[in-house]
Amino acid sequence: GQHELAFETAKLCIEASSADVPALPSGYLHAAVALRKLNRGSEAVALLQEGAERLPESDAVHQLLSDSLKATEKASASGKLTTGKNKEPEQIAS
């Protein structure tokens, strides 16, 4: 769907960055939002952590990382964890 396409497009922008062409925050932001819409919150957090390391000056990346961590923690606390491709919540083993 549209969120999968948005994620793949943003991911290409991130992968195209190099030492000569630095990463832009928008690639990380768009990819993370798409992942969250796909119920892949843990992947969004991991991607934003990478973005925060590569772009320490980006307030937007840090803010979305904070928001995503809170959302993922809330899902974990309620006994549900967002997962990858199956898009269904997974029960956390006690």
PDB file of N, CA and C in Angstrom:
ATOM      1  N   GLY A   1       0.823  -1.192   0.000  1.00  0.00           N
ATOM      2  CA  GLY A   1       0.000   0.000   0.000  1.00  0.00           C
ATOM      3  C   GLY A   1       0.864   1.251   0.000  1.00  0.00           C
ATOM      4  N   GLN A   2       0.215   2.340   0.266  1.00  0.00           N
ATOM      5  CA  GLN A   2       0.891   3.638   0.201  1.00  0.00           C
ATOM      6  C   GLN A   2       1.973   3.801   1.261  1.00  0.00           C
ATOM      7  N   HIS A   3       1.769   3.237   2.445  1.00  0.00           N
ATOM      8  CA  HIS A   3       2.780   3.368   3.490  1.00  0.00           C
ATOM      9  C   HIS A   3       4.012   2.529   3.175  1.00  0.00           C
ATOM     10  N   GLU A   4       3.809   1.364   2.566  1.00  0.00           N
ATOM     11  CA  GLU A   4       4.950   0.540   2.164  1.00  0.00           C
ATOM     12  C   GLU A   4       5.773   1.250   1.103  1.00  0.00           C
ATOM     13  N   LEU A   5       5.089   1.881   0.144  1.00  0.00           N
ATOM     14  CA  LEU A   5       5.779   2.625  -0.904  1.00  0.00           C
ATOM     15  C   LEU A   5       6.525   3.818  -0.302  1.00  0.00           C
ATOM     16  N   ALA A   6       5.884   4.515   0.635  1.00  0.00           N
ATOM     17  CA  ALA A   6       6.531   5.654   1.284  1.00  0.00           C
ATOM     18  C   ALA A   6       7.788   5.211   2.022  1.00  0.00           C
ATOM     19  N   PHE A   7       7.695   4.073   2.728  1.00  0.00           N
ATOM     20  CA  PHE A   7       8.863   3.559   3.444  1.00  0.00           C
ATOM     21  C   PHE A   7       9.990   3.221   2.482  1.00  0.00           C
ATOM     22  N   GLU A   8       9.686   2.489   1.417  1.00  0.00           N
ATOM     23  CA  GLU A   8      10.723   2.086   0.457  1.00  0.00           C
ATOM     24  C   GLU A   8      11.383   3.298  -0.186  1.00  0.00           C
ATOM     25  N   THR A   9      10.605   4.319  -0.511  1.00  0.00           N
ATOM     26  CA  THR A   9      11.153   5.526  -1.123  1.00  0.00           C
ATOM     27  C   THR A   9      12.074   6.262  -0.156  1.00  0.00           C
ATOM     28  N   ALA A  10      11.611   6.413   1.085  1.00  0.00           N
ATOM     29  CA  ALA A  10      12.439   7.096   2.090  1.00  0.00           C
ATOM     30  C   ALA A  10      13.710   6.309   2.383  1.00  0.00           C
ATOM     31  N   LYS A  11      13.584   4.982   2.412  1.00  0.00           N
ATOM     32  CA  LYS A  11      14.749   4.128   2.656  1.00  0.00           C
ATOM     33  C   LYS A  11      15.798   4.324   1.556  1.00  0.00           C
ATOM     34  N   LEU A  12      15.356   4.467   0.314  1.00  0.00           N
ATOM     35  CA  LEU A  12      16.283   4.717  -0.789  1.00  0.00           C
ATOM     36  C   LEU A  12      17.028   6.034  -0.585  1.00  0.00           C
ATOM     37  N   CYS A  13      16.330   7.038  -0.084  1.00  0.00           N
ATOM     38  CA  CYS A  13      16.984   8.325   0.175  1.00  0.00           C
ATOM     39  C   CYS A  13      18.070   8.180   1.233  1.00  0.00           C
ATOM     40  N   ILE A  14      17.788   7.411   2.262  1.00  0.00           N
ATOM     41  CA  ILE A  14      18.774   7.199   3.322  1.00  0.00           C
ATOM     42  C   ILE A  14      19.974   6.432   2.766  1.00  0.00           C
ATOM     43  N   GLU A  15      19.707   5.384   2.012  1.00  0.00           N
ATOM     44  CA  GLU A  15      20.786   4.543   1.475  1.00  0.00           C
ATOM     45  C   GLU A  15      21.637   5.282   0.460  1.00  0.00           C
ATOM     46  N   ALA A  16      21.069   6.284  -0.204  1.00  0.00           N
ATOM     47  CA  ALA A  16      21.822   7.035  -1.210  1.00  0.00           C
ATOM     48  C   ALA A  16      22.804   8.011  -0.584  1.00  0.00           C
ATOM     49  N   SER A  17      22.647   8.286   0.701  1.00  0.00           N
ATOM     50  CA  SER A  17      23.556   9.223   1.355  1.00  0.00           C
ATOM     51  C   SER A  17      24.934   8.580   1.526  1.00  0.00           C
ATOM     52  N   SER A  18      25.934   9.429   1.525  1.00  0.00           N
ATOM     53  CA  SER A  18      27.309   8.971   1.663  1.00  0.00           C
ATOM     54  C   SER A  18      28.121  10.088   2.306  1.00  0.00           C
ATOM     55  N   ALA A  19      29.410   9.924   2.345  1.00  0.00           N
ATOM     56  CA  ALA A  19      30.269  10.971   2.893  1.00  0.00           C
ATOM     57  C   ALA A  19      30.177  12.234   2.043  1.00  0.00           C
ATOM     58  N   ASP A  20      30.019  12.065   0.732  1.00  0.00           N
ATOM     59  CA  ASP A  20      29.934  13.212  -0.175  1.00  0.00           C
ATOM     60  C   ASP A  20      28.553  13.860  -0.158  1.00  0.00           C
ATOM     61  N   VAL A  21      27.520  13.043   0.068  1.00  0.00           N
ATOM     62  CA  VAL A  21      26.146  13.532   0.101  1.00  0.00           C
ATOM     63  C   VAL A  21      25.549  13.095   1.435  1.00  0.00           C
ATOM     64  N   PRO A  22      25.615  13.970   2.425  1.00  0.00           N
ATOM     65  CA  PRO A  22      25.160  13.566   3.759  1.00  0.00           C
ATOM     66  C   PRO A  22      23.659  13.281   3.791  1.00  0.00           C
ATOM     67  N   ALA A  23      23.276  12.486   4.769  1.00  0.00           N
ATOM     68  CA  ALA A  23      21.872  12.130   4.954  1.00  0.00           C
ATOM     69  C   ALA A  23      21.065  13.363   5.340  1.00  0.00           C
ATOM     70  N   LEU A  24      19.820  13.356   4.938  1.00  0.00           N
ATOM     71  CA  LEU A  24      18.893  14.417   5.319  1.00  0.00           C
ATOM     72  C   LEU A  24      17.919  13.867   6.349  1.00  0.00           C
ATOM     73  N   PRO A  25      17.492  14.690   7.275  1.00  0.00           N
ATOM     74  CA  PRO A  25      16.537  14.207   8.268  1.00  0.00           C
ATOM     75  C   PRO A  25      15.237  13.697   7.656  1.00  0.00           C
ATOM     76  N   SER A  26      14.819  14.283   6.552  1.00  0.00           N
ATOM     77  CA  SER A  26      13.527  13.914   5.962  1.00  0.00           C
ATOM     78  C   SER A  26      13.453  12.440   5.597  1.00  0.00           C
ATOM     79  N   GLY A  27      14.548  11.843   5.160  1.00  0.00           N
ATOM     80  CA  GLY A  27      14.529  10.420   4.830  1.00  0.00           C
ATOM     81  C   GLY A  27      14.198   9.577   6.051  1.00  0.00           C
ATOM     82  N   TYR A  28      14.852   9.879   7.164  1.00  0.00           N
ATOM     83  CA  TYR A  28      14.599   9.151   8.409  1.00  0.00           C
ATOM     84  C   TYR A  28      13.183   9.407   8.920  1.00  0.00           C
ATOM     85  N   LEU A  29      12.756  10.663   8.849  1.00  0.00           N
ATOM     86  CA  LEU A  29      11.427  11.011   9.354  1.00  0.00           C
ATOM     87  C   LEU A  29      10.326  10.318   8.564  1.00  0.00           C
ATOM     88  N   HIS A  30      10.411  10.400   7.248  1.00  0.00           N
ATOM     89  CA  HIS A  30       9.380   9.779   6.406  1.00  0.00           C
ATOM     90  C   HIS A  30       9.376   8.257   6.554  1.00  0.00           C
ATOM     91  N   ALA A  31      10.560   7.664   6.596  1.00  0.00           N
ATOM     92  CA  ALA A  31      10.639   6.204   6.745  1.00  0.00           C
ATOM     93  C   ALA A  31      10.065   5.765   8.084  1.00  0.00           C
ATOM     94  N   ALA A  32      10.382   6.494   9.144  1.00  0.00           N
ATOM     95  CA  ALA A  32       9.900   6.121  10.479  1.00  0.00           C
ATOM     96  C   ALA A  32       8.390   6.276  10.593  1.00  0.00           C
ATOM     97  N   VAL A  33       7.850   7.343  10.050  1.00  0.00           N
ATOM     98  CA  VAL A  33       6.394   7.525  10.090  1.00  0.00           C
ATOM     99  C   VAL A  33       5.711   6.399   9.321  1.00  0.00           C
ATOM    100  N   ALA A  34       6.249   6.060   8.166  1.00  0.00           N
ATOM    101  CA  ALA A  34       5.664   4.958   7.377  1.00  0.00           C
ATOM    102  C   ALA A  34       5.726   3.647   8.156  1.00  0.00           C
ATOM    103  N   LEU A  35       6.854   3.378   8.807  1.00  0.00           N
ATOM    104  CA  LEU A  35       6.976   2.152   9.610  1.00  0.00           C
ATOM    105  C   LEU A  35       5.957   2.128  10.740  1.00  0.00           C
ATOM    106  N   ARG A  36       5.760   3.265  11.385  1.00  0.00           N
ATOM    107  CA  ARG A  36       4.769   3.309  12.465  1.00  0.00           C
ATOM    108  C   ARG A  36       3.367   3.057  11.930  1.00  0.00           C
ATOM    109  N   LYS A  37       3.061   3.592  10.761  1.00  0.00           N
ATOM    110  CA  LYS A  37       1.752   3.361  10.146  1.00  0.00           C
ATOM    111  C   LYS A  37       1.570   1.891   9.780  1.00  0.00           C
ATOM    112  N   LEU A  38       2.679   1.212   9.511  1.00  0.00           N
ATOM    113  CA  LEU A  38       2.650  -0.219   9.185  1.00  0.00           C
ATOM    114  C   LEU A  38       2.724  -1.095  10.445  1.00  0.00           C
ATOM    115  N   ASN A  39       2.592  -0.474  11.605  1.00  0.00           N
ATOM    116  CA  ASN A  39       2.684  -1.190  12.887  1.00  0.00           C
ATOM    117  C   ASN A  39       4.037  -1.863  13.083  1.00  0.00           C
ATOM    118  N   ARG A  40       5.087  -1.186  12.642  1.00  0.00           N
ATOM    119  CA  ARG A  40       6.447  -1.692  12.776  1.00  0.00           C
ATOM    120  C   ARG A  40       7.254  -0.715  13.637  1.00  0.00           C
ATOM    121  N   GLY A  41       6.709  -0.444  14.827  1.00  0.00           N
ATOM    122  CA  GLY A  41       7.277   0.559  15.718  1.00  0.00           C
ATOM    123  C   GLY A  41       8.700   0.288  16.145  1.00  0.00           C
ATOM    124  N   SER A  42       9.026  -0.969  16.405  1.00  0.00           N
ATOM    125  CA  SER A  42      10.395  -1.300  16.822  1.00  0.00           C
ATOM    126  C   SER A  42      11.396  -0.972  15.725  1.00  0.00           C
ATOM    127  N   GLU A  43      11.008  -1.208  14.490  1.00  0.00           N
ATOM    128  CA  GLU A  43      11.895  -0.881  13.361  1.00  0.00           C
ATOM    129  C   GLU A  43      12.032   0.630  13.212  1.00  0.00           C
ATOM    130  N   ALA A  44      10.940   1.360  13.469  1.00  0.00           N
ATOM    131  CA  ALA A  44      10.987   2.821  13.400  1.00  0.00           C
ATOM    132  C   ALA A  44      11.966   3.359  14.435  1.00  0.00           C
ATOM    133  N   VAL A  45      11.918   2.813  15.650  1.00  0.00           N
ATOM    134  CA  VAL A  45      12.835   3.244  16.704  1.00  0.00           C
ATOM    135  C   VAL A  45      14.286   2.976  16.301  1.00  0.00           C
ATOM    136  N   ALA A  46      14.563   1.788  15.793  1.00  0.00           N
ATOM    137  CA  ALA A  46      15.932   1.446  15.386  1.00  0.00           C
ATOM    138  C   ALA A  46      16.423   2.383  14.279  1.00  0.00           C
ATOM    139  N   LEU A  47      15.574   2.668  13.319  1.00  0.00           N
ATOM    140  CA  LEU A  47      15.945   3.563  12.223  1.00  0.00           C
ATOM    141  C   LEU A  47      16.205   4.976  12.742  1.00  0.00           C
ATOM    142  N   LEU A  48      15.352   5.451  13.646  1.00  0.00           N
ATOM    143  CA  LEU A  48      15.534   6.789  14.200  1.00  0.00           C
ATOM    144  C   LEU A  48      16.767   6.878  15.093  1.00  0.00           C
ATOM    145  N   GLN A  49      17.111   5.788  15.763  1.00  0.00           N
ATOM    146  CA  GLN A  49      18.346   5.784  16.550  1.00  0.00           C
ATOM    147  C   GLN A  49      19.546   5.951  15.625  1.00  0.00           C
ATOM    148  N   GLU A  50      19.515   5.260  14.498  1.00  0.00           N
ATOM    149  CA  GLU A  50      20.585   5.438  13.503  1.00  0.00           C
ATOM    150  C   GLU A  50      20.606   6.881  13.010  1.00  0.00           C
ATOM    151  N   GLY A  51      19.433   7.423  12.720  1.00  0.00           N
ATOM    152  CA  GLY A  51      19.341   8.808  12.254  1.00  0.00           C
ATOM    153  C   GLY A  51      19.857   9.792  13.286  1.00  0.00           C
ATOM    154  N   ALA A  52      19.560   9.553  14.559  1.00  0.00           N
ATOM    155  CA  ALA A  52      20.023  10.443  15.623  1.00  0.00           C
ATOM    156  C   ALA A  52      21.545  10.408  15.742  1.00  0.00           C
ATOM    157  N   GLU A  53      22.131   9.243  15.493  1.00  0.00           N
ATOM    158  CA  GLU A  53      23.596   9.138  15.521  1.00  0.00           C
ATOM    159  C   GLU A  53      24.223   9.864  14.337  1.00  0.00           C
ATOM    160  N   ARG A  54      23.615   9.705  13.165  1.00  0.00           N
ATOM    161  CA  ARG A  54      24.167  10.338  11.958  1.00  0.00           C
ATOM    162  C   ARG A  54      23.870  11.829  11.887  1.00  0.00           C
ATOM    163  N   LEU A  55      22.765  12.245  12.518  1.00  0.00           N
ATOM    164  CA  LEU A  55      22.328  13.637  12.442  1.00  0.00           C
ATOM    165  C   LEU A  55      22.052  14.179  13.850  1.00  0.00           C
ATOM    166  N   PRO A  56      23.097  14.275  14.674  1.00  0.00           N
ATOM    167  CA  PRO A  56      22.878  14.682  16.069  1.00  0.00           C
ATOM    168  C   PRO A  56      22.267  16.075  16.215  1.00  0.00           C
ATOM    169  N   GLU A  57      22.373  16.905  15.200  1.00  0.00           N
ATOM    170  CA  GLU A  57      21.842  18.265  15.267  1.00  0.00           C
ATOM    171  C   GLU A  57      20.364  18.351  14.883  1.00  0.00           C
ATOM    172  N   SER A  58      19.763  17.250  14.455  1.00  0.00           N
ATOM    173  CA  SER A  58      18.378  17.274  13.989  1.00  0.00           C
ATOM    174  C   SER A  58      17.392  17.115  15.146  1.00  0.00           C
ATOM    175  N   ASP A  59      16.779  18.233  15.522  1.00  0.00           N
ATOM    176  CA  ASP A  59      15.773  18.193  16.586  1.00  0.00           C
ATOM    177  C   ASP A  59      14.579  17.340  16.172  1.00  0.00           C
ATOM    178  N   ALA A  60      14.207  17.382  14.905  1.00  0.00           N
ATOM    179  CA  ALA A  60      13.039  16.627  14.427  1.00  0.00           C
ATOM    180  C   ALA A  60      13.253  15.125  14.568  1.00  0.00           C
ATOM    181  N   VAL A  61      14.438  14.640  14.233  1.00  0.00           N
ATOM    182  CA  VAL A  61      14.744  13.215  14.365  1.00  0.00           C
ATOM    183  C   VAL A  61      14.700  12.816  15.840  1.00  0.00           C
ATOM    184  N   HIS A  62      15.292  13.627  16.699  1.00  0.00           N
ATOM    185  CA  HIS A  62      15.299  13.316  18.133  1.00  0.00           C
ATOM    186  C   HIS A  62      13.885  13.337  18.717  1.00  0.00           C
ATOM    187  N   GLN A  63      13.051  14.277  18.278  1.00  0.00           N
ATOM    188  CA  GLN A  63      11.692  14.359  18.796  1.00  0.00           C
ATOM    189  C   GLN A  63      10.868  13.150  18.363  1.00  0.00           C
ATOM    190  N   LEU A  64      10.978  12.768  17.083  1.00  0.00           N
ATOM    191  CA  LEU A  64      10.222  11.604  16.610  1.00  0.00           C
ATOM    192  C   LEU A  64      10.739  10.328  17.264  1.00  0.00           C
ATOM    193  N   LEU A  65      12.045  10.258  17.520  1.00  0.00           N
ATOM    194  CA  LEU A  65      12.598   9.110  18.241  1.00  0.00           C
ATOM    195  C   LEU A  65      11.976   9.020  19.634  1.00  0.00           C
ATOM    196  N   SER A  66      11.914  10.136  20.325  1.00  0.00           N
ATOM    197  CA  SER A  66      11.320  10.160  21.659  1.00  0.00           C
ATOM    198  C   SER A  66       9.855   9.720  21.611  1.00  0.00           C
ATOM    199  N   ASP A  67       9.103  10.255  20.673  1.00  0.00           N
ATOM    200  CA  ASP A  67       7.689   9.888  20.518  1.00  0.00           C
ATOM    201  C   ASP A  67       7.539   8.406  20.185  1.00  0.00           C
ATOM    202  N   SER A  68       8.395   7.906  19.315  1.00  0.00           N
ATOM    203  CA  SER A  68       8.323   6.501  18.900  1.00  0.00           C
ATOM    204  C   SER A  68       8.690   5.567  20.044  1.00  0.00           C
ATOM    205  N   LEU A  69       9.684   5.959  20.842  1.00  0.00           N
ATOM    206  CA  LEU A  69      10.048   5.157  22.013  1.00  0.00           C
ATOM    207  C   LEU A  69       8.876   5.068  22.990  1.00  0.00           C
ATOM    208  N   LYS A  70       8.218   6.193  23.225  1.00  0.00           N
ATOM    209  CA  LYS A  70       7.064   6.204  24.130  1.00  0.00           C
ATOM    210  C   LYS A  70       5.952   5.313  23.608  1.00  0.00           C
ATOM    211  N   ALA A  71       5.677   5.392  22.308  1.00  0.00           N
ATOM    212  CA  ALA A  71       4.615   4.571  21.718  1.00  0.00           C
ATOM    213  C   ALA A  71       4.959   3.091  21.794  1.00  0.00           C
ATOM    214  N   THR A  72       6.217   2.750  21.564  1.00  0.00           N
ATOM    215  CA  THR A  72       6.649   1.354  21.620  1.00  0.00           C
ATOM    216  C   THR A  72       6.605   0.839  23.054  1.00  0.00           C
ATOM    217  N   GLU A  73       7.037   1.678  24.000  1.00  0.00           N
ATOM    218  CA  GLU A  73       6.975   1.291  25.415  1.00  0.00           C
ATOM    219  C   GLU A  73       5.528   1.091  25.859  1.00  0.00           C
ATOM    220  N   LYS A  74       4.639   1.950  25.394  1.00  0.00           N
ATOM    221  CA  LYS A  74       3.218   1.828  25.742  1.00  0.00           C
ATOM    222  C   LYS A  74       2.659   0.511  25.202  1.00  0.00           C
ATOM    223  N   ALA A  75       3.023   0.160  23.962  1.00  0.00           N
ATOM    224  CA  ALA A  75       2.571  -1.101  23.376  1.00  0.00           C
ATOM    225  C   ALA A  75       3.128  -2.281  24.161  1.00  0.00           C
ATOM    226  N   SER A  76       4.386  -2.181  24.591  1.00  0.00           N
ATOM    227  CA  SER A  76       5.001  -3.252  25.374  1.00  0.00           C
ATOM    228  C   SER A  76       4.327  -3.393  26.733  1.00  0.00           C
ATOM    229  N   ALA A  77       4.026  -2.274  27.359  1.00  0.00           N
ATOM    230  CA  ALA A  77       3.403  -2.295  28.683  1.00  0.00           C
ATOM    231  C   ALA A  77       1.994  -2.882  28.637  1.00  0.00           C
ATOM    232  N   SER A  78       1.320  -2.712  27.511  1.00  0.00           N
ATOM    233  CA  SER A  78      -0.042  -3.242  27.396  1.00  0.00           C
ATOM    234  C   SER A  78      -0.042  -4.717  26.993  1.00  0.00           C
ATOM    235  N   GLY A  79       1.165  -5.302  26.843  1.00  0.00           N
ATOM    236  CA  GLY A  79       1.263  -6.715  26.487  1.00  0.00           C
ATOM    237  C   GLY A  79       1.300  -6.957  25.005  1.00  0.00           C
ATOM    238  N   LYS A  80       1.443  -5.889  24.245  1.00  0.00           N
ATOM    239  CA  LYS A  80       1.514  -6.027  22.789  1.00  0.00           C
ATOM    240  C   LYS A  80       2.792  -5.374  22.309  1.00  0.00           C
ATOM    241  N   LEU A  81       3.361  -5.955  21.304  1.00  0.00           N
ATOM    242  CA  LEU A  81       4.577  -5.423  20.719  1.00  0.00           C
ATOM    243  C   LEU A  81       4.364  -5.356  19.228  1.00  0.00           C
ATOM    244  N   THR A  82       4.655  -4.201  18.624  1.00  0.00           N
ATOM    245  CA  THR A  82       4.502  -4.113  17.180  1.00  0.00           C
ATOM    246  C   THR A  82       5.590  -4.953  16.532  1.00  0.00           C
ATOM    247  N   THR A  83       5.207  -5.628  15.489  1.00  0.00           N
ATOM    248  CA  THR A  83       6.132  -6.526  14.811  1.00  0.00           C
ATOM    249  C   THR A  83       6.308  -6.094  13.370  1.00  0.00           C
ATOM    250  N   GLY A  84       6.986  -6.885  12.612  1.00  0.00           N
ATOM    251  CA  GLY A  84       7.295  -6.560  11.231  1.00  0.00           C
ATOM    252  C   GLY A  84       6.201  -6.873  10.254  1.00  0.00           C
ATOM    253  N   LYS A  85       6.488  -7.734   9.347  1.00  0.00           N
ATOM    254  CA  LYS A  85       5.679  -7.920   8.165  1.00  0.00           C
ATOM    255  C   LYS A  85       4.268  -8.444   8.396  1.00  0.00           C
ATOM    256  N   ASN A  86       4.029  -9.173   9.480  1.00  0.00           N
ATOM    257  CA  ASN A  86       2.686  -9.723   9.655  1.00  0.00           C
ATOM    258  C   ASN A  86       1.683  -8.674  10.114  1.00  0.00           C
ATOM    259  N   LYS A  87       2.152  -7.530  10.588  1.00  0.00           N
ATOM    260  CA  LYS A  87       1.326  -6.399  10.960  1.00  0.00           C
ATOM    261  C   LYS A  87       0.340  -6.712  12.071  1.00  0.00           C
ATOM    262  N   GLU A  88       0.511  -7.811  12.738  1.00  0.00           N
ATOM    263  CA  GLU A  88      -0.363  -8.172  13.853  1.00  0.00           C
ATOM    264  C   GLU A  88       0.415  -8.019  15.150  1.00  0.00           C
ATOM    265  N   PRO A  89      -0.239  -7.538  16.195  1.00  0.00           N
ATOM    266  CA  PRO A  89       0.460  -7.447  17.483  1.00  0.00           C
ATOM    267  C   PRO A  89       0.874  -8.837  17.951  1.00  0.00           C
ATOM    268  N   GLU A  90       1.986  -8.873  18.633  1.00  0.00           N
ATOM    269  CA  GLU A  90       2.524 -10.138  19.136  1.00  0.00           C
ATOM    270  C   GLU A  90       2.513 -10.067  20.661  1.00  0.00           C
ATOM    271  N   GLN A  91       2.024 -11.079  21.299  1.00  0.00           N
ATOM    272  CA  GLN A  91       2.023 -11.097  22.751  1.00  0.00           C
ATOM    273  C   GLN A  91       3.446 -11.261  23.264  1.00  0.00           C
ATOM    274  N   ILE A  92       3.767 -10.532  24.285  1.00  0.00           N
ATOM    275  CA  ILE A  92       5.083 -10.613  24.885  1.00  0.00           C
ATOM    276  C   ILE A  92       5.081 -11.752  25.900  1.00  0.00           C
ATOM    277  N   ALA A  93       6.072 -12.603  25.814  1.00  0.00           N
ATOM    278  CA  ALA A  93       6.173 -13.729  26.760  1.00  0.00           C
ATOM    279  C   ALA A  93       6.545 -13.187  28.128  1.00  0.00           C
ATOM    280  N   SER A  94       5.910 -13.707  29.159  1.00  0.00           N
ATOM    281  CA  SER A  94       6.187 -13.248  30.529  1.00  0.00           C
ATOM    282  C   SER A  94       7.332 -14.014  31.127  1.00  0.00           C
TER     283      SER A  94
END
